[in-house]
Amino acid sequence: MATLNLLQAINQALDIAMADNERVLCFGEDVGGFGGVFRATSHLQEKYGKARCFNTPLVEQGIIGFANGLAAQGSTPVAEIQFADYIFPAFDQIVNESAKFRYRSGSLFNVGGLTIRAPYGGGISGGLYHSQSPEAYFAHTPGLKVVVPRNPHQAKGLLLAAIRDPNPVLFFEPKRLYRASTGEVPESDYQLPLGEAEVVKEGRDITLLAWGAQMEVIEEAAELAEKEGISCEIIDLRSILPWDVETVATSVLKTGRLVISHEAPLTGGFAGEIAATIQERCFLYLESPISRVTGLDTPFPLTLEKEYLPDRLKVFEAIKASMAY
């Protein structure tokens, strides 16, 4: 075991994947040389050469189009979008090409080896172009997998699983945790299952659900609730697409209450899909309406970032309201 931060865990996962399979390539804006804007790919070009770790032009549609082509002919590309906010110029390539490649060819061809890494979310005073959480856009697209780790152990295991998964995977990394989240990580090669949520803490009164950086927030809110005698069950969804309906439903059948938190705006956020599904599965067991604690329906602000983001106090208020319903 080694103590790593989330960024180091991602770098280690890429290193292991490239050592294990010579078809694995990583590329994107500035990923070669000094290792990208966050240094996630540091030293990989030195170790594996410019043919396997290299810079691309500043054109996201081209990065993913190129990645689709590589994956279609048998390579295993790991394409980096420098910030998740920049993924939108590549939206057509991801949604209309990556996601549909296998389907439209009748399984004759696929781009299953494709992984797209992108730092997402707020917390770094990045303003409206460097702070967005676009996971819900892609959750609407059959043919993709969407994964979000919360800590270094998950980042390494989930990224290795994503790279080796036979489907195109979007891997959103919570950038504010890159250096803030540290933990014990096995130095060996390991994978964590995609599509499976993790019950982080068991409880009896209310279920709290989040992913990525919001996990820290709901854990802090749960500590406040425990002081009020409220027992919280905490679940990390981990995979947005496919998402683990069974684990969440089983929890809500036990607690009768659910609070979901994410950084993205409320309207059209993935919490709405979860709420709709869980009320269908658990309606007669619900003790209060399912609650969503999310970002606001505005562009992501610069100076009012703390007011915009869902925090422990907002989640705590939602917990108390649900309990008092």
Protein backbone atom coordinates (compact mmCIF):
# COMPACT_ATOMS: atom_id res chain seq x y z
CA MET A 1 0.00 0.00 0.00
CA ALA A 2 1.07 3.59 -0.63
CA THR A 3 -0.40 6.92 0.42
CA LEU A 4 -1.39 8.74 -2.76
CA ASN A 5 -3.52 11.68 -3.68
CA LEU A 6 -6.20 11.30 -6.33
CA LEU A 7 -3.97 12.72 -9.06
CA GLN A 8 -1.14 10.31 -8.27
CA ALA A 9 -3.58 7.40 -8.27
CA ILE A 10 -4.77 8.33 -11.77
CA ASN A 11 -1.19 8.64 -12.97
CA GLN A 12 -0.38 5.23 -11.49
CA ALA A 13 -3.43 3.66 -13.18
CA LEU A 14 -2.35 5.06 -16.55
CA ASP A 15 1.20 3.81 -15.98
CA ILE A 16 -0.02 0.29 -15.15
CA ALA A 17 -2.40 0.19 -18.11
CA MET A 18 0.31 1.33 -20.54
CA ALA A 19 2.83 -1.16 -19.16
CA ASP A 20 0.30 -3.99 -19.34
CA ASN A 21 -0.94 -3.31 -22.88
CA GLU A 22 1.18 -1.74 -25.59
CA ARG A 23 -1.98 -0.68 -27.44
CA VAL A 24 -2.88 1.79 -24.67
CA LEU A 25 -2.15 5.38 -25.72
CA CYS A 26 -2.87 8.61 -23.86
CA PHE A 27 -3.16 11.98 -25.54
CA GLY A 28 -4.80 15.36 -25.30
CA GLU A 29 -3.96 19.03 -24.89
CA ASP A 30 -0.53 19.33 -23.22
CA VAL A 31 -0.54 15.78 -21.82
CA GLY A 32 2.98 15.11 -23.12
CA GLY A 33 6.05 16.83 -21.79
CA PHE A 34 5.05 18.38 -18.47
CA GLY A 35 2.06 16.07 -18.03
CA GLY A 36 -1.02 18.17 -18.63
CA VAL A 37 -2.45 21.18 -16.84
CA PHE A 38 -2.99 19.13 -13.65
CA ARG A 39 0.07 16.87 -14.18
CA ALA A 40 -2.05 13.71 -14.41
CA THR A 41 0.17 12.28 -17.17
CA SER A 42 3.54 13.31 -15.70
CA HIS A 43 6.53 11.20 -16.84
CA LEU A 44 4.44 8.92 -19.05
CA GLN A 45 5.94 10.34 -22.24
CA GLU A 46 9.44 9.86 -20.82
CA LYS A 47 8.64 6.24 -20.00
CA TYR A 48 6.63 5.17 -23.06
CA GLY A 49 7.73 7.57 -25.76
CA LYS A 50 6.06 10.22 -27.89
CA ALA A 51 4.24 7.62 -29.96
CA ARG A 52 2.15 6.52 -26.95
CA CYS A 53 1.80 9.72 -24.91
CA PHE A 54 1.56 12.93 -26.91
CA ASN A 55 0.04 16.38 -27.31
CA THR A 56 -2.82 17.08 -29.68
CA PRO A 57 -4.02 20.30 -31.29
CA LEU A 58 -6.46 22.36 -29.21
CA VAL A 59 -9.53 20.90 -30.88
CA GLU A 60 -11.73 18.61 -28.79
CA GLN A 61 -13.79 17.33 -31.71
CA GLY A 62 -10.54 16.27 -33.35
CA ILE A 63 -9.25 14.60 -30.19
CA ILE A 64 -12.32 12.37 -29.88
CA GLY A 65 -12.63 11.80 -33.62
CA PHE A 66 -9.02 10.63 -33.64
CA ALA A 67 -9.68 8.49 -30.56
CA ASN A 68 -12.70 6.88 -32.24
CA GLY A 69 -10.55 5.98 -35.22
CA LEU A 70 -7.83 4.48 -33.05
CA ALA A 71 -10.33 2.45 -31.03
CA ALA A 72 -12.07 1.23 -34.18
CA GLN A 73 -8.84 -0.31 -35.46
CA GLY A 74 -7.96 -2.02 -32.18
CA SER A 75 -6.01 0.48 -30.13
CA THR A 76 -6.96 1.43 -26.58
CA PRO A 77 -6.97 5.23 -26.50
CA VAL A 78 -7.26 7.23 -23.28
CA ALA A 79 -8.18 10.70 -24.47
CA GLU A 80 -8.00 13.64 -22.08
CA ILE A 81 -10.32 16.61 -22.30
CA GLN A 82 -8.45 19.29 -20.34
CA PHE A 83 -11.58 20.48 -18.50
CA ALA A 84 -14.99 18.80 -18.66
CA ASP A 85 -16.39 22.17 -19.76
CA TYR A 86 -14.41 21.77 -23.00
CA ILE A 87 -16.10 18.50 -23.87
CA PHE A 88 -19.00 20.16 -25.69
CA PRO A 89 -17.17 20.73 -29.02
CA ALA A 90 -16.67 16.95 -29.00
CA PHE A 91 -20.31 16.22 -28.12
CA ASP A 92 -21.18 15.10 -31.65
CA GLN A 93 -18.24 12.68 -31.82
CA ILE A 94 -19.09 11.17 -28.41
CA VAL A 95 -22.88 11.00 -28.70
CA ASN A 96 -23.29 10.30 -32.43
CA GLU A 97 -20.13 8.29 -33.10
CA SER A 98 -18.58 6.72 -29.97
CA ALA A 99 -21.89 5.67 -28.43
CA LYS A 100 -23.43 4.33 -31.65
CA PHE A 101 -20.45 2.79 -33.42
CA ARG A 102 -21.18 -0.80 -32.38
CA TYR A 103 -24.94 -0.49 -32.85
CA ARG A 104 -24.87 1.00 -36.34
CA SER A 105 -22.43 -1.62 -37.62
CA GLY A 106 -24.45 -4.54 -36.24
CA SER A 107 -21.53 -5.37 -33.90
CA LEU A 108 -19.10 -5.76 -36.78
CA PHE A 109 -17.06 -2.83 -35.44
CA ASN A 110 -16.80 -1.05 -32.10
CA VAL A 111 -14.87 1.62 -30.22
CA GLY A 112 -15.12 -0.25 -26.93
CA GLY A 113 -11.49 0.43 -26.03
CA LEU A 114 -12.10 4.17 -25.76
CA THR A 115 -11.79 6.00 -22.43
CA ILE A 116 -12.31 9.76 -22.14
CA ARG A 117 -10.89 11.43 -19.03
CA ALA A 118 -12.10 14.88 -17.98
CA PRO A 119 -11.69 16.94 -14.78
CA TYR A 120 -15.14 18.17 -13.69
CA GLY A 121 -16.81 20.31 -11.04
CA GLY A 122 -16.20 23.41 -8.95
CA GLY A 123 -14.16 24.26 -5.92
CA ILE A 124 -11.14 25.85 -7.62
CA SER A 125 -12.58 29.31 -8.39
CA GLY A 126 -12.62 28.43 -12.07
CA GLY A 127 -15.72 30.39 -13.01
CA LEU A 128 -18.23 29.53 -15.68
CA TYR A 129 -15.86 27.80 -18.16
CA HIS A 130 -13.87 25.60 -15.75
CA SER A 131 -16.35 24.37 -13.14
CA GLN A 132 -19.25 22.56 -14.79
CA SER A 133 -20.57 19.05 -14.10
CA PRO A 134 -21.87 17.70 -17.44
CA GLU A 135 -22.54 14.07 -16.49
CA ALA A 136 -26.30 14.26 -17.07
CA TYR A 137 -25.88 15.18 -20.74
CA PHE A 138 -24.14 11.87 -21.39
CA ALA A 139 -26.34 9.78 -19.10
CA HIS A 140 -29.04 10.33 -21.75
CA THR A 141 -26.94 8.44 -24.33
CA PRO A 142 -27.21 4.63 -24.64
CA GLY A 143 -23.89 3.06 -25.56
CA LEU A 144 -21.74 5.01 -23.11
CA LYS A 145 -20.63 4.36 -19.55
CA VAL A 146 -20.16 7.32 -17.20
CA VAL A 147 -17.99 6.91 -14.09
CA VAL A 148 -17.02 9.32 -11.27
CA PRO A 149 -14.51 8.37 -8.51
CA ARG A 150 -14.47 9.99 -5.06
CA ASN A 151 -11.00 9.14 -3.72
CA PRO A 152 -7.57 7.79 -4.79
CA HIS A 153 -8.41 4.12 -4.20
CA GLN A 154 -11.48 4.40 -6.40
CA ALA A 155 -9.74 6.55 -8.99
CA LYS A 156 -7.11 3.91 -9.67
CA GLY A 157 -9.40 0.88 -9.58
CA LEU A 158 -12.22 2.46 -11.58
CA LEU A 159 -9.89 3.96 -14.20
CA LEU A 160 -8.17 0.62 -14.80
CA ALA A 161 -11.59 -0.99 -15.13
CA ALA A 162 -12.72 1.76 -17.50
CA ILE A 163 -9.67 1.36 -19.75
CA ARG A 164 -10.24 -2.40 -19.96
CA ASP A 165 -14.03 -2.25 -20.31
CA PRO A 166 -15.36 -3.28 -23.76
CA ASN A 167 -17.46 -0.11 -23.99
CA PRO A 168 -16.61 3.57 -24.41
CA VAL A 169 -16.32 5.16 -20.95
CA LEU A 170 -16.43 8.78 -19.83
CA PHE A 171 -14.35 9.14 -16.68
CA PHE A 172 -15.09 12.38 -14.84
CA GLU A 173 -12.47 13.30 -12.23
CA PRO A 174 -13.38 15.72 -9.37
CA LYS A 175 -10.65 18.29 -9.90
CA ARG A 176 -10.94 19.97 -6.50
CA LEU A 177 -9.98 16.63 -4.94
CA TYR A 178 -6.93 16.05 -7.14
CA ARG A 179 -4.53 17.01 -4.36
CA ALA A 180 -7.00 17.40 -1.49
CA SER A 181 -8.05 13.74 -1.33
CA THR A 182 -5.39 11.31 -0.09
CA GLY A 183 -5.58 7.71 1.02
CA GLU A 184 -4.06 4.25 1.05
CA VAL A 185 -3.90 2.70 -2.41
CA PRO A 186 -2.58 -0.76 -3.35
CA GLU A 187 0.51 -0.48 -5.51
CA SER A 188 -0.61 -3.56 -7.42
CA ASP A 189 -2.92 -3.77 -10.42
CA TYR A 190 -6.59 -3.95 -9.37
CA GLN A 191 -10.01 -3.05 -10.74
CA LEU A 192 -13.28 -1.93 -9.17
CA PRO A 193 -16.58 -2.89 -10.81
CA LEU A 194 -18.31 -0.37 -13.05
CA GLY A 195 -22.04 0.06 -12.56
CA GLU A 196 -21.99 -0.83 -8.86
CA ALA A 197 -22.67 1.68 -6.08
CA GLU A 198 -20.89 1.46 -2.74
CA VAL A 199 -22.67 1.63 0.61
CA VAL A 200 -20.11 3.73 2.48
CA LYS A 201 -22.00 3.74 5.78
CA GLU A 202 -25.10 1.89 6.91
CA GLY A 203 -27.94 3.67 8.69
CA ARG A 204 -31.61 3.31 9.50
CA ASP A 205 -33.36 6.71 9.17
CA ILE A 206 -32.45 8.27 5.82
CA THR A 207 -30.41 7.49 2.70
CA LEU A 208 -27.90 10.06 1.41
CA LEU A 209 -26.73 9.58 -2.19
CA ALA A 210 -24.02 11.39 -4.16
CA TRP A 211 -20.93 10.84 -6.31
CA GLY A 212 -17.50 12.36 -6.78
CA ALA A 213 -16.67 15.44 -4.74
CA GLN A 214 -20.17 15.62 -3.22
CA MET A 215 -19.45 12.48 -1.22
CA GLU A 216 -17.31 14.49 1.19
CA VAL A 217 -20.18 16.97 1.55
CA ILE A 218 -22.85 14.40 2.40
CA GLU A 219 -20.51 12.65 4.83
CA GLU A 220 -20.04 15.95 6.68
CA ALA A 221 -23.81 16.51 6.64
CA ALA A 222 -24.32 13.01 8.05
CA GLU A 223 -22.00 13.85 10.95
CA LEU A 224 -24.17 16.86 11.77
CA ALA A 225 -27.29 14.69 11.53
CA GLU A 226 -25.83 12.04 13.81
CA LYS A 227 -25.48 14.70 16.53
CA GLU A 228 -29.25 15.17 16.24
CA GLY A 229 -29.83 11.46 16.62
CA ILE A 230 -30.48 10.85 12.90
CA SER A 231 -28.92 7.67 11.51
CA CYS A 232 -27.82 8.18 7.87
CA GLU A 233 -27.07 5.53 5.28
CA ILE A 234 -24.48 6.91 2.83
CA ILE A 235 -24.17 5.62 -0.74
CA ASP A 236 -21.60 6.55 -3.38
CA LEU A 237 -23.21 5.96 -6.77
CA ARG A 238 -19.80 5.81 -8.54
CA SER A 239 -21.29 4.98 -11.95
CA ILE A 240 -23.86 7.33 -13.48
CA LEU A 241 -24.45 5.11 -16.51
CA PRO A 242 -25.38 2.40 -15.85
CA TRP A 243 -26.41 3.30 -12.32
CA ASP A 244 -27.02 0.80 -9.54
CA VAL A 245 -30.80 0.93 -9.06
CA GLU A 246 -30.90 -2.15 -6.85
CA THR A 247 -28.49 -0.89 -4.19
CA VAL A 248 -30.23 2.48 -3.92
CA ALA A 249 -33.73 0.97 -3.90
CA THR A 250 -32.78 -1.59 -1.24
CA SER A 251 -31.52 1.22 0.97
CA VAL A 252 -34.61 3.39 0.51
CA LEU A 253 -36.92 0.43 1.20
CA LYS A 254 -35.15 0.25 4.57
CA THR A 255 -34.94 3.95 5.48
CA GLY A 256 -38.01 5.35 3.70
CA ARG A 257 -36.20 8.60 2.87
CA LEU A 258 -33.74 9.76 0.22
CA VAL A 259 -31.64 12.91 -0.26
CA ILE A 260 -29.60 13.17 -3.48
CA SER A 261 -26.86 15.75 -3.97
CA HIS A 262 -24.86 16.80 -7.04
CA GLU A 263 -23.02 19.92 -8.20
CA ALA A 264 -24.82 20.23 -11.54
CA PRO A 265 -27.93 22.46 -11.79
CA LEU A 266 -31.25 21.15 -10.50
CA THR A 267 -33.24 21.12 -13.74
CA GLY A 268 -32.34 18.08 -15.85
CA GLY A 269 -29.74 16.95 -13.32
CA PHE A 270 -29.24 13.22 -12.88
CA ALA A 271 -30.85 13.36 -9.44
CA GLY A 272 -34.17 13.76 -11.22
CA GLU A 273 -33.74 10.41 -12.99
CA ILE A 274 -32.82 8.74 -9.72
CA ALA A 275 -35.79 10.27 -7.92
CA ALA A 276 -38.24 9.16 -10.63
CA THR A 277 -36.93 5.60 -10.64
CA ILE A 278 -36.83 5.24 -6.86
CA GLN A 279 -40.36 6.57 -6.38
CA GLU A 280 -41.57 3.95 -8.87
CA ARG A 281 -39.76 1.20 -6.97
CA CYS A 282 -40.32 2.41 -3.40
CA PHE A 283 -43.44 4.59 -3.46
CA LEU A 284 -45.37 2.76 -0.73
CA TYR A 285 -42.32 2.77 1.55
CA LEU A 286 -41.48 6.48 1.29
CA GLU A 287 -41.96 8.49 4.48
CA SER A 288 -41.27 11.85 2.78
CA PRO A 289 -40.71 13.25 -0.73
CA ILE A 290 -37.33 12.52 -2.29
CA SER A 291 -35.15 15.62 -1.91
CA ARG A 292 -32.53 17.04 -4.28
CA VAL A 293 -29.71 19.32 -3.08
CA THR A 294 -27.90 20.61 -6.14
CA GLY A 295 -26.24 23.51 -7.87
CA LEU A 296 -28.40 26.41 -9.02
CA ASP A 297 -30.11 26.90 -12.39
CA THR A 298 -27.61 29.59 -13.38
CA PRO A 299 -24.23 29.62 -15.11
CA PHE A 300 -21.51 28.65 -12.67
CA PRO A 301 -20.41 31.87 -10.92
CA LEU A 302 -16.89 32.99 -10.07
CA THR A 303 -17.25 35.19 -6.97
CA LEU A 304 -20.33 33.41 -5.61
CA GLU A 305 -19.03 29.85 -5.94
CA LYS A 306 -19.69 28.96 -2.28
CA GLU A 307 -23.27 30.19 -2.55
CA TYR A 308 -23.79 28.16 -5.72
CA LEU A 309 -22.40 24.81 -4.58
CA PRO A 310 -24.42 22.43 -2.39
CA ASP A 311 -22.65 22.24 0.97
CA ARG A 312 -23.02 20.30 4.21
CA LEU A 313 -25.43 22.81 5.72
CA LYS A 314 -27.76 22.69 2.69
CA VAL A 315 -27.73 18.90 2.82
CA PHE A 316 -28.25 18.95 6.59
CA GLU A 317 -31.31 21.19 6.18
CA ALA A 318 -32.69 18.76 3.59
CA ILE A 319 -32.14 15.87 6.01
CA LYS A 320 -33.99 17.67 8.81
CA ALA A 321 -36.86 18.65 6.50
CA SER A 322 -37.20 15.06 5.31
CA MET A 323 -37.21 13.73 8.86
CA ALA A 324 -39.80 16.29 9.98
CA TYR A 325 -42.16 15.73 7.04
